[in-house]
């Protein structure tokens, strides 16, 4: 490879890296702003975003132990214990002994907790649907493709 080709290759790599870094930055900012706007559509104001996320995990995955919920939410068990204590205090989560092992405590959403999740999902879906419907068909197709990519990034 000539010195000119090596320089062009290095320049191309830097440009590509810079472009990816800029795209990543812009994506993170846009995603953060959208997440904040959606969080504002929560049906109840008494729970924090972290508490609501844990409640949603229980609603989606069913009854879990504290360790399983901690792993699901990617936080430490002591941190999750504080979160769960608040949710129990609010009457949104119930603790019961495991049928398989009486030493284990199983967490599940209460009826009030399930209602909060459902009402919040309805509000958030309605809010975003009002905006997506205003996009062109082409933009909606791009958004559908981007959603698949975002899901993959979130699970990596």
N, C-alpha and C. Protein backbone atom coordinates (compact mmCIF):
# COMPACT_ATOMS: atom_id res chain seq x y z
N UNK A 1 0.86 -1.17 0.00
CA UNK A 1 0.00 0.00 0.00
C UNK A 1 0.91 1.23 0.00
N UNK A 2 0.61 2.18 -0.87
CA UNK A 2 1.43 3.39 -0.96
C UNK A 2 1.14 4.29 0.24
N UNK A 3 2.01 5.25 0.43
CA UNK A 3 1.84 6.19 1.55
C UNK A 3 0.56 6.99 1.37
N UNK A 4 0.23 7.34 0.10
CA UNK A 4 -0.98 8.10 -0.18
C UNK A 4 -2.21 7.25 0.16
N UNK A 5 -2.22 5.96 -0.27
CA UNK A 5 -3.37 5.10 0.04
C UNK A 5 -3.52 4.88 1.54
N UNK A 6 -2.40 4.71 2.23
CA UNK A 6 -2.45 4.52 3.68
C UNK A 6 -3.03 5.75 4.35
N UNK A 7 -2.61 6.93 3.90
CA UNK A 7 -3.12 8.17 4.47
C UNK A 7 -4.61 8.32 4.19
N UNK A 8 -5.02 8.00 2.94
CA UNK A 8 -6.45 8.08 2.59
C UNK A 8 -7.26 7.09 3.42
N UNK A 9 -6.72 5.89 3.61
CA UNK A 9 -7.40 4.87 4.39
C UNK A 9 -7.54 5.32 5.84
N UNK A 10 -6.47 5.87 6.39
CA UNK A 10 -6.50 6.35 7.77
C UNK A 10 -7.48 7.50 7.90
N UNK A 11 -7.48 8.41 6.92
CA UNK A 11 -8.40 9.54 6.92
C UNK A 11 -9.84 9.06 6.85
N UNK A 12 -10.08 8.06 6.00
CA UNK A 12 -11.42 7.50 5.85
C UNK A 12 -11.89 6.86 7.15
N UNK A 13 -10.98 6.15 7.83
CA UNK A 13 -11.32 5.50 9.10
C UNK A 13 -11.66 6.55 10.14
N UNK A 14 -10.87 7.62 10.21
CA UNK A 14 -11.14 8.69 11.18
C UNK A 14 -12.48 9.33 10.88
N UNK A 15 -12.71 9.64 9.61
CA UNK A 15 -13.97 10.25 9.22
C UNK A 15 -15.14 9.33 9.56
N UNK A 16 -15.01 8.06 9.25
CA UNK A 16 -16.06 7.10 9.55
C UNK A 16 -16.26 7.00 11.06
N UNK A 17 -15.16 6.93 11.81
CA UNK A 17 -15.25 6.86 13.27
C UNK A 17 -15.90 8.13 13.82
N UNK A 18 -15.48 9.29 13.28
CA UNK A 18 -16.06 10.56 13.73
C UNK A 18 -17.56 10.62 13.41
N UNK A 19 -17.91 10.14 12.23
CA UNK A 19 -19.33 10.14 11.84
C UNK A 19 -20.15 9.22 12.75
N UNK A 20 -19.59 8.06 13.07
CA UNK A 20 -20.29 7.13 13.96
C UNK A 20 -20.40 7.73 15.36
N UNK A 21 -19.33 8.37 15.81
CA UNK A 21 -19.36 9.00 17.14
C UNK A 21 -20.41 10.11 17.18
N UNK A 22 -20.49 10.91 16.12
CA UNK A 22 -21.48 11.98 16.07
C UNK A 22 -22.90 11.41 16.01
N UNK A 23 -23.09 10.38 15.19
CA UNK A 23 -24.40 9.72 15.11
C UNK A 23 -24.78 9.16 16.47
N UNK A 24 -23.84 8.51 17.15
CA UNK A 24 -24.11 7.94 18.46
C UNK A 24 -24.52 9.01 19.46
N UNK A 25 -23.82 10.13 19.42
CA UNK A 25 -24.13 11.26 20.30
C UNK A 25 -25.54 11.80 20.03
N UNK A 26 -25.82 12.06 18.76
CA UNK A 26 -27.14 12.58 18.38
C UNK A 26 -28.26 11.61 18.74
N UNK A 27 -28.01 10.33 18.50
CA UNK A 27 -28.99 9.29 18.82
C UNK A 27 -29.27 9.26 20.32
N UNK A 28 -28.19 9.31 21.12
CA UNK A 28 -28.35 9.28 22.58
C UNK A 28 -29.16 10.47 23.07
N UNK A 29 -28.87 11.64 22.54
CA UNK A 29 -29.61 12.84 22.95
C UNK A 29 -31.09 12.74 22.56
N UNK A 30 -31.35 12.35 21.32
CA UNK A 30 -32.73 12.24 20.85
C UNK A 30 -33.49 11.17 21.65
N UNK A 31 -32.83 10.05 21.89
CA UNK A 31 -33.46 8.97 22.65
C UNK A 31 -33.76 9.42 24.08
N UNK A 32 -32.84 10.14 24.68
CA UNK A 32 -33.04 10.66 26.04
C UNK A 32 -34.21 11.63 26.10
N UNK A 33 -34.29 12.51 25.13
CA UNK A 33 -35.39 13.49 25.11
C UNK A 33 -36.74 12.78 24.93
N UNK A 34 -36.78 11.81 24.03
CA UNK A 34 -38.02 11.07 23.82
C UNK A 34 -38.40 10.30 25.08
N UNK A 35 -37.42 9.68 25.73
CA UNK A 35 -37.69 8.94 26.96
C UNK A 35 -38.26 9.86 28.04
N UNK A 36 -37.68 11.07 28.17
CA UNK A 36 -38.20 12.04 29.15
C UNK A 36 -39.64 12.42 28.84
N UNK A 37 -39.92 12.67 27.57
CA UNK A 37 -41.29 13.04 27.17
C UNK A 37 -42.27 11.91 27.48
N UNK A 38 -41.85 10.68 27.22
CA UNK A 38 -42.72 9.54 27.50
C UNK A 38 -42.91 9.33 29.01
N UNK A 39 -41.85 9.54 29.79
CA UNK A 39 -41.98 9.39 31.25
C UNK A 39 -43.00 10.37 31.81
N UNK A 40 -43.13 11.53 31.18
CA UNK A 40 -44.10 12.52 31.63
C UNK A 40 -45.54 12.02 31.47
N UNK A 41 -45.74 10.99 30.68
CA UNK A 41 -47.07 10.45 30.43
C UNK A 41 -47.46 9.36 31.43
N UNK A 42 -46.76 9.27 32.53
CA UNK A 42 -47.06 8.25 33.55
C UNK A 42 -48.38 8.56 34.22
N UNK A 43 -49.17 7.54 34.47
CA UNK A 43 -50.50 7.71 35.05
C UNK A 43 -50.45 8.16 36.51
N UNK A 44 -49.43 7.74 37.26
CA UNK A 44 -49.31 8.14 38.67
C UNK A 44 -48.00 8.84 38.89
N UNK A 45 -47.96 9.76 39.83
CA UNK A 45 -46.75 10.54 40.06
C UNK A 45 -45.96 10.08 41.28
N UNK A 46 -46.45 9.10 42.01
CA UNK A 46 -45.79 8.75 43.26
C UNK A 46 -44.56 7.87 43.10
N UNK A 47 -44.34 7.28 41.94
CA UNK A 47 -43.20 6.38 41.77
C UNK A 47 -42.14 7.01 40.86
N UNK A 48 -40.90 6.65 41.13
CA UNK A 48 -39.78 7.13 40.32
C UNK A 48 -39.69 6.29 39.04
N UNK A 49 -38.93 6.76 38.05
CA UNK A 49 -38.76 5.94 36.84
C UNK A 49 -38.19 4.55 37.14
N UNK A 50 -37.24 4.46 38.07
CA UNK A 50 -36.67 3.16 38.42
C UNK A 50 -37.69 2.24 39.08
N UNK A 51 -38.51 2.80 39.94
CA UNK A 51 -39.57 2.01 40.58
C UNK A 51 -40.59 1.55 39.55
N UNK A 52 -40.94 2.43 38.63
CA UNK A 52 -41.91 2.06 37.60
C UNK A 52 -41.33 0.98 36.69
N UNK A 53 -40.05 1.06 36.39
CA UNK A 53 -39.41 0.04 35.56
C UNK A 53 -39.46 -1.32 36.25
N UNK A 54 -39.18 -1.36 37.54
CA UNK A 54 -39.26 -2.62 38.29
C UNK A 54 -40.68 -3.16 38.30
N UNK A 55 -41.65 -2.28 38.50
CA UNK A 55 -43.05 -2.68 38.49
C UNK A 55 -43.43 -3.26 37.13
N UNK A 56 -42.98 -2.62 36.06
CA UNK A 56 -43.25 -3.12 34.70
C UNK A 56 -42.61 -4.49 34.48
N UNK A 57 -41.42 -4.69 35.01
CA UNK A 57 -40.75 -5.99 34.87
C UNK A 57 -41.58 -7.08 35.54
N UNK A 58 -42.11 -6.80 36.71
CA UNK A 58 -42.96 -7.78 37.40
C UNK A 58 -44.25 -8.01 36.62
N UNK A 59 -44.80 -6.96 36.09
CA UNK A 59 -46.04 -7.06 35.31
C UNK A 59 -45.81 -7.91 34.06
N UNK A 60 -44.68 -7.68 33.39
CA UNK A 60 -44.37 -8.37 32.14
C UNK A 60 -43.93 -9.81 32.35
N UNK A 61 -43.05 -10.03 33.33
CA UNK A 61 -42.44 -11.35 33.51
C UNK A 61 -43.13 -12.20 34.57
N UNK A 62 -44.08 -11.64 35.27
CA UNK A 62 -44.75 -12.39 36.33
C UNK A 62 -43.96 -12.33 37.62
N UNK A 63 -44.33 -13.16 38.56
CA UNK A 63 -43.70 -13.16 39.87
C UNK A 63 -42.22 -13.49 39.77
N UNK A 64 -41.41 -12.73 40.51
CA UNK A 64 -39.96 -12.92 40.52
C UNK A 64 -39.44 -12.78 41.94
N UNK A 65 -38.31 -13.41 42.20
CA UNK A 65 -37.63 -13.18 43.47
C UNK A 65 -36.89 -11.85 43.36
N UNK A 66 -36.42 -11.35 44.50
CA UNK A 66 -35.67 -10.11 44.49
C UNK A 66 -34.42 -10.24 43.62
N UNK A 67 -33.73 -11.36 43.72
CA UNK A 67 -32.53 -11.59 42.90
C UNK A 67 -32.85 -11.60 41.41
N UNK A 68 -33.93 -12.26 41.04
CA UNK A 68 -34.32 -12.32 39.63
C UNK A 68 -34.69 -10.93 39.11
N UNK A 69 -35.42 -10.18 39.93
CA UNK A 69 -35.81 -8.83 39.54
C UNK A 69 -34.58 -7.93 39.42
N UNK A 70 -33.65 -8.06 40.36
CA UNK A 70 -32.39 -7.29 40.30
C UNK A 70 -31.64 -7.58 39.01
N UNK A 71 -31.55 -8.86 38.68
CA UNK A 71 -30.86 -9.26 37.45
C UNK A 71 -31.59 -8.71 36.23
N UNK A 72 -32.89 -8.81 36.22
CA UNK A 72 -33.70 -8.32 35.10
C UNK A 72 -33.49 -6.81 34.88
N UNK A 73 -33.43 -6.08 35.98
CA UNK A 73 -33.30 -4.62 35.91
C UNK A 73 -31.84 -4.16 35.92
N UNK A 74 -30.92 -5.11 36.06
CA UNK A 74 -29.48 -4.82 36.04
C UNK A 74 -29.06 -3.84 37.14
N UNK A 75 -29.54 -4.12 38.35
CA UNK A 75 -29.14 -3.35 39.52
C UNK A 75 -28.77 -4.33 40.63
N UNK A 76 -28.13 -3.83 41.67
CA UNK A 76 -27.73 -4.70 42.77
C UNK A 76 -28.95 -5.07 43.62
N UNK A 77 -28.92 -6.24 44.26
CA UNK A 77 -30.03 -6.62 45.14
C UNK A 77 -30.32 -5.60 46.24
N UNK A 78 -29.32 -5.00 46.91
CA UNK A 78 -29.66 -4.00 47.93
C UNK A 78 -30.41 -2.79 47.35
N UNK A 79 -30.00 -2.36 46.16
CA UNK A 79 -30.69 -1.25 45.50
C UNK A 79 -32.12 -1.66 45.15
N UNK A 80 -32.29 -2.86 44.62
CA UNK A 80 -33.62 -3.34 44.26
C UNK A 80 -34.48 -3.51 45.51
N UNK A 81 -33.88 -3.90 46.61
CA UNK A 81 -34.64 -4.05 47.85
C UNK A 81 -35.26 -2.72 48.27
N UNK A 82 -34.52 -1.63 48.15
CA UNK A 82 -35.05 -0.30 48.47
C UNK A 82 -36.21 0.06 47.52
N UNK A 83 -36.02 -0.26 46.25
CA UNK A 83 -37.06 0.00 45.26
C UNK A 83 -38.32 -0.78 45.59
N UNK A 84 -38.16 -2.05 45.87
CA UNK A 84 -39.31 -2.92 46.18
C UNK A 84 -39.99 -2.46 47.47
N UNK A 85 -39.21 -2.07 48.47
CA UNK A 85 -39.81 -1.60 49.72
C UNK A 85 -40.75 -0.42 49.47
N UNK A 86 -40.32 0.50 48.62
CA UNK A 86 -41.16 1.65 48.29
C UNK A 86 -42.41 1.20 47.55
N UNK A 87 -42.27 0.27 46.61
CA UNK A 87 -43.43 -0.20 45.84
C UNK A 87 -44.42 -0.95 46.73
N UNK A 88 -43.91 -1.70 47.69
CA UNK A 88 -44.78 -2.39 48.65
C UNK A 88 -45.50 -1.36 49.51
N UNK A 89 -44.77 -0.35 49.96
CA UNK A 89 -45.35 0.72 50.79
C UNK A 89 -46.47 1.45 50.04
N UNK A 90 -46.30 1.64 48.74
CA UNK A 90 -47.32 2.30 47.91
C UNK A 90 -48.49 1.37 47.58
N UNK A 91 -48.35 0.09 47.92
CA UNK A 91 -49.40 -0.88 47.62
C UNK A 91 -49.39 -1.35 46.17
N UNK A 92 -48.26 -1.18 45.48
CA UNK A 92 -48.17 -1.54 44.07
C UNK A 92 -47.58 -2.93 43.85
N UNK A 93 -46.87 -3.46 44.85
CA UNK A 93 -46.23 -4.77 44.77
C UNK A 93 -46.56 -5.55 46.04
N UNK A 94 -46.72 -6.86 45.88
CA UNK A 94 -46.97 -7.75 47.01
C UNK A 94 -45.80 -8.70 47.17
N UNK A 95 -45.50 -9.03 48.43
CA UNK A 95 -44.50 -10.05 48.75
C UNK A 95 -45.25 -11.27 49.27
N UNK A 96 -44.92 -12.43 48.73
CA UNK A 96 -45.50 -13.68 49.23
C UNK A 96 -44.41 -14.73 49.34
N UNK A 97 -44.63 -15.72 50.17
CA UNK A 97 -43.67 -16.82 50.27
C UNK A 97 -43.81 -17.71 49.05
N UNK A 98 -42.69 -18.22 48.58
CA UNK A 98 -42.68 -19.11 47.43
C UNK A 98 -43.36 -20.42 47.79
N UNK A 99 -44.15 -20.93 46.87
CA UNK A 99 -44.82 -22.23 47.07
C UNK A 99 -43.79 -23.36 47.06
N UNK A 100 -42.71 -23.18 46.30
CA UNK A 100 -41.67 -24.21 46.18
C UNK A 100 -40.70 -24.21 47.36
N UNK A 101 -40.39 -23.01 47.86
CA UNK A 101 -39.39 -22.89 48.91
C UNK A 101 -39.84 -21.77 49.84
N UNK A 102 -40.34 -22.13 51.00
CA UNK A 102 -40.89 -21.17 51.96
C UNK A 102 -39.90 -20.13 52.42
N UNK A 103 -38.60 -20.36 52.21
CA UNK A 103 -37.59 -19.37 52.59
C UNK A 103 -37.49 -18.24 51.59
N UNK A 104 -37.95 -18.47 50.37
CA UNK A 104 -37.88 -17.46 49.31
C UNK A 104 -39.12 -16.58 49.33
N UNK A 105 -38.91 -15.32 49.03
CA UNK A 105 -40.01 -14.37 48.90
C UNK A 105 -40.18 -14.06 47.41
N UNK A 106 -41.42 -14.10 46.97
CA UNK A 106 -41.74 -13.84 45.58
C UNK A 106 -42.47 -12.50 45.49
N UNK A 107 -42.09 -11.71 44.52
CA UNK A 107 -42.69 -10.39 44.30
C UNK A 107 -43.63 -10.44 43.11
N UNK A 108 -44.75 -9.77 43.24
CA UNK A 108 -45.69 -9.69 42.12
C UNK A 108 -46.45 -8.37 42.21
N UNK A 109 -46.92 -7.86 41.07
CA UNK A 109 -47.66 -6.60 41.12
C UNK A 109 -49.03 -6.81 41.76
N UNK A 110 -49.46 -5.84 42.55
CA UNK A 110 -50.81 -5.88 43.10
C UNK A 110 -51.78 -5.45 41.99
N UNK A 111 -53.07 -5.53 42.26
CA UNK A 111 -54.05 -5.07 41.28
C UNK A 111 -53.83 -3.59 40.98
N UNK A 112 -53.55 -2.81 42.03
CA UNK A 112 -53.30 -1.38 41.84
C UNK A 112 -52.04 -1.16 41.00
N UNK A 113 -51.01 -1.97 41.23
CA UNK A 113 -49.78 -1.88 40.45
C UNK A 113 -50.01 -2.22 38.99
N UNK A 114 -50.77 -3.28 38.75
CA UNK A 114 -51.09 -3.67 37.36
C UNK A 114 -51.89 -2.58 36.67
N UNK A 115 -52.83 -1.98 37.39
CA UNK A 115 -53.63 -0.89 36.82
C UNK A 115 -52.75 0.30 36.44
N UNK A 116 -51.79 0.62 37.31
CA UNK A 116 -50.89 1.74 37.02
C UNK A 116 -50.09 1.46 35.76
N UNK A 117 -49.59 0.24 35.61
CA UNK A 117 -48.81 -0.11 34.41
C UNK A 117 -49.70 0.01 33.17
N UNK A 118 -50.89 -0.56 33.22
CA UNK A 118 -51.78 -0.53 32.06
C UNK A 118 -52.18 0.89 31.68
N UNK A 119 -52.54 1.71 32.66
CA UNK A 119 -52.94 3.09 32.38
C UNK A 119 -51.78 3.90 31.82
N UNK A 120 -50.59 3.68 32.36
CA UNK A 120 -49.42 4.41 31.87
C UNK A 120 -49.09 3.98 30.45
N UNK A 121 -49.15 2.69 30.18
CA UNK A 121 -48.90 2.21 28.81
C UNK A 121 -49.90 2.83 27.84
N UNK A 122 -51.17 2.88 28.23
CA UNK A 122 -52.19 3.48 27.36
C UNK A 122 -51.87 4.94 27.08
N UNK A 123 -51.51 5.69 28.12
CA UNK A 123 -51.20 7.11 27.95
C UNK A 123 -49.99 7.30 27.05
N UNK A 124 -48.94 6.50 27.30
CA UNK A 124 -47.72 6.64 26.51
C UNK A 124 -47.93 6.22 25.06
N UNK A 125 -48.67 5.13 24.87
CA UNK A 125 -48.96 4.69 23.50
C UNK A 125 -49.78 5.73 22.76
N UNK A 126 -50.76 6.32 23.44
CA UNK A 126 -51.59 7.34 22.80
C UNK A 126 -50.75 8.56 22.44
N UNK A 127 -49.86 8.96 23.36
CA UNK A 127 -49.02 10.13 23.12
C UNK A 127 -48.14 9.92 21.89
N UNK A 128 -47.49 8.76 21.82
CA UNK A 128 -46.56 8.54 20.70
C UNK A 128 -47.33 8.26 19.40
N UNK A 129 -48.47 7.60 19.50
CA UNK A 129 -49.28 7.33 18.30
C UNK A 129 -49.71 8.64 17.65
N UNK A 130 -50.07 9.64 18.48
CA UNK A 130 -50.47 10.95 17.94
C UNK A 130 -49.35 11.57 17.12
N UNK A 131 -48.12 11.27 17.45
CA UNK A 131 -46.99 11.84 16.73
C UNK A 131 -46.58 10.99 15.53
N UNK A 132 -46.60 9.68 15.69
CA UNK A 132 -46.20 8.78 14.60
C UNK A 132 -47.17 8.88 13.43
N UNK A 133 -48.44 9.04 13.72
CA UNK A 133 -49.44 9.12 12.65
C UNK A 133 -49.21 10.33 11.75
N UNK A 134 -48.52 11.34 12.26
CA UNK A 134 -48.23 12.55 11.48
C UNK A 134 -47.00 12.39 10.57
N UNK A 135 -46.26 11.29 10.75
CA UNK A 135 -45.10 11.04 9.91
C UNK A 135 -45.55 10.53 8.54
N UNK A 136 -44.69 10.71 7.55
CA UNK A 136 -45.01 10.15 6.24
C UNK A 136 -44.90 8.63 6.31
N UNK A 137 -45.45 7.96 5.31
CA UNK A 137 -45.36 6.50 5.25
C UNK A 137 -43.91 6.06 5.23
N UNK A 138 -43.09 6.77 4.48
CA UNK A 138 -41.66 6.46 4.40
C UNK A 138 -41.01 6.61 5.78
N UNK A 139 -41.30 7.69 6.48
CA UNK A 139 -40.74 7.90 7.82
C UNK A 139 -41.20 6.81 8.78
N UNK A 140 -42.45 6.39 8.66
CA UNK A 140 -42.95 5.31 9.52
C UNK A 140 -42.20 4.00 9.25
N UNK A 141 -41.88 3.74 7.98
CA UNK A 141 -41.10 2.55 7.64
C UNK A 141 -39.70 2.62 8.22
N UNK A 142 -39.09 3.79 8.14
CA UNK A 142 -37.76 3.99 8.72
C UNK A 142 -37.83 3.79 10.24
N UNK A 143 -38.87 4.32 10.86
CA UNK A 143 -39.04 4.17 12.31
C UNK A 143 -39.20 2.70 12.69
N UNK A 144 -39.92 1.95 11.88
CA UNK A 144 -40.09 0.51 12.15
C UNK A 144 -38.74 -0.21 12.10
N UNK A 145 -37.93 0.14 11.11
CA UNK A 145 -36.60 -0.47 11.00
C UNK A 145 -35.71 -0.02 12.16
N UNK A 146 -35.79 1.24 12.51
CA UNK A 146 -34.98 1.77 13.62
C UNK A 146 -35.39 1.12 14.94
N UNK A 147 -36.66 0.83 15.10
CA UNK A 147 -37.14 0.19 16.33
C UNK A 147 -36.48 -1.17 16.51
N UNK A 148 -36.34 -1.92 15.44
CA UNK A 148 -35.67 -3.22 15.51
C UNK A 148 -34.22 -3.04 15.93
N UNK A 149 -33.56 -2.06 15.36
CA UNK A 149 -32.16 -1.80 15.69
C UNK A 149 -32.04 -1.33 17.15
N UNK A 150 -32.92 -0.44 17.57
CA UNK A 150 -32.88 0.05 18.96
C UNK A 150 -33.09 -1.09 19.95
N UNK A 151 -33.99 -1.99 19.64
CA UNK A 151 -34.23 -3.14 20.52
C UNK A 151 -32.95 -3.98 20.64
N UNK A 152 -32.28 -4.17 19.50
CA UNK A 152 -31.04 -4.94 19.49
C UNK A 152 -29.96 -4.25 20.32
N UNK A 153 -29.86 -2.92 20.20
CA UNK A 153 -28.89 -2.18 21.00
C UNK A 153 -29.21 -2.28 22.49
N UNK A 154 -30.49 -2.18 22.84
CA UNK A 154 -30.89 -2.23 24.25
C UNK A 154 -30.61 -3.59 24.87
N UNK A 155 -30.64 -4.63 24.06
CA UNK A 155 -30.44 -5.99 24.58
C UNK A 155 -28.99 -6.43 24.54
N UNK A 156 -28.11 -5.59 23.98
CA UNK A 156 -26.70 -5.99 23.87
C UNK A 156 -25.93 -5.74 25.16
